[in-house]
Amino acid sequence: MNPFENRMPSLSGPATDILPVTPDDLADLPEVAIALYVETGGAVSVVTARGGNRTLNVADRSILPVGVRRVNATGTTATGIHAMVIS
């Protein structure tokens, strides 16, 4: 049984997939993420869903509940970044 089968995707519900992220200064993520999961902490430089450029320092195993369209290579030192999406 798939509990997501007849459910509409929602920003308030759980992500339906999690995708590995390779930071890139030019390419957006294939889908705008509703959140990021970071395995190994450090700086994360992102372009938000609204187009803002932000750099955050995060701890190991952090979840950033913010819409993200790009994770930049420049300024990102954290590793093991994953995008939570609701495709």
Protein backbone atom coordinates (compact mmCIF):
# COMPACT_ATOMS: atom_id res chain seq x y z
CA MET A 1 0.00 0.00 0.00
CA ASN A 2 1.31 3.44 -0.94
CA PRO A 3 -0.04 6.18 1.39
CA PHE A 4 1.00 8.86 -1.13
CA GLU A 5 -0.89 7.33 -4.05
CA ASN A 6 -4.09 9.39 -3.71
CA ARG A 7 -2.63 12.31 -1.78
CA MET A 8 -2.07 15.76 -3.25
CA PRO A 9 1.49 17.05 -2.74
CA SER A 10 1.57 19.63 0.04
CA LEU A 11 4.15 21.99 1.49
CA SER A 12 2.91 21.04 4.95
CA GLY A 13 3.18 17.31 4.35
CA PRO A 14 6.23 15.11 4.11
CA ALA A 15 8.55 15.21 1.12
CA THR A 16 7.82 12.53 -1.45
CA ASP A 17 11.47 12.11 -2.45
CA ILE A 18 14.98 13.12 -1.41
CA LEU A 19 17.60 13.82 -4.07
CA PRO A 20 21.38 14.07 -3.71
CA VAL A 21 22.69 17.56 -4.42
CA THR A 22 25.91 18.44 -6.24
CA PRO A 23 26.57 22.12 -5.51
CA ASP A 24 26.81 24.16 -8.71
CA ASP A 25 27.16 27.91 -9.23
CA LEU A 26 25.13 27.96 -12.47
CA ALA A 27 22.61 25.12 -12.49
CA ASP A 28 19.40 25.10 -10.46
CA LEU A 29 18.21 21.92 -8.80
CA PRO A 30 15.95 19.78 -11.03
CA GLU A 31 13.07 20.67 -8.66
CA VAL A 32 12.77 23.43 -6.07
CA ALA A 33 13.41 21.79 -2.70
CA ILE A 34 11.06 22.33 0.23
CA ALA A 35 14.01 21.67 2.56
CA LEU A 36 17.63 20.53 2.58
CA TYR A 37 19.17 17.77 4.67
CA VAL A 38 22.91 18.14 5.39
CA GLU A 39 24.90 15.14 6.59
CA THR A 40 28.20 16.89 7.42
CA GLY A 41 27.96 20.44 8.66
CA GLY A 42 29.65 23.56 7.35
CA ALA A 43 28.60 26.50 5.23
CA VAL A 44 25.73 26.11 2.75
CA SER A 45 25.37 28.79 0.08
CA VAL A 46 21.94 28.75 -1.54
CA VAL A 47 19.60 30.62 -3.84
CA THR A 48 16.19 30.55 -2.19
CA ALA A 49 12.91 29.84 -3.96
CA ARG A 50 12.36 33.63 -4.02
CA GLY A 51 15.79 34.29 -5.54
CA GLY A 52 17.67 35.45 -2.45
CA ASN A 53 21.34 34.56 -2.00
CA ARG A 54 22.01 33.23 1.50
CA THR A 55 24.90 31.48 3.23
CA LEU A 56 24.20 29.57 6.44
CA ASN A 57 26.45 27.64 8.78
CA VAL A 58 24.87 24.36 9.83
CA ALA A 59 25.73 21.48 12.12
CA ASP A 60 25.98 17.81 11.17
CA ARG A 61 22.62 16.18 10.33
CA SER A 62 20.80 19.50 9.89
CA ILE A 63 17.47 20.07 8.19
CA LEU A 64 16.96 23.50 6.62
CA PRO A 65 13.20 24.03 6.13
CA VAL A 66 13.48 26.64 3.39
CA GLY A 67 12.63 26.57 -0.31
CA VAL A 68 15.86 26.27 -2.31
CA ARG A 69 16.33 26.44 -6.06
CA ARG A 70 20.16 26.17 -6.13
CA VAL A 71 23.01 25.13 -3.86
CA ASN A 72 26.10 27.06 -4.91
CA ALA A 73 29.52 25.41 -5.08
CA THR A 74 31.22 28.68 -4.14
CA GLY A 75 30.82 29.20 -0.42
CA THR A 76 29.52 25.69 0.35
CA THR A 77 31.73 23.57 2.58
CA ALA A 78 29.05 21.24 3.98
CA THR A 79 28.79 17.81 2.36
CA GLY A 80 26.20 15.11 1.95
CA ILE A 81 23.49 17.58 0.95
CA HIS A 82 20.09 16.26 -0.11
CA ALA A 83 17.06 18.13 -1.47
CA MET A 84 13.64 17.20 -0.10
CA VAL A 85 11.04 17.54 -2.87
CA ILE A 86 7.31 17.01 -3.34
CA SER A 87 7.16 16.14 -7.02
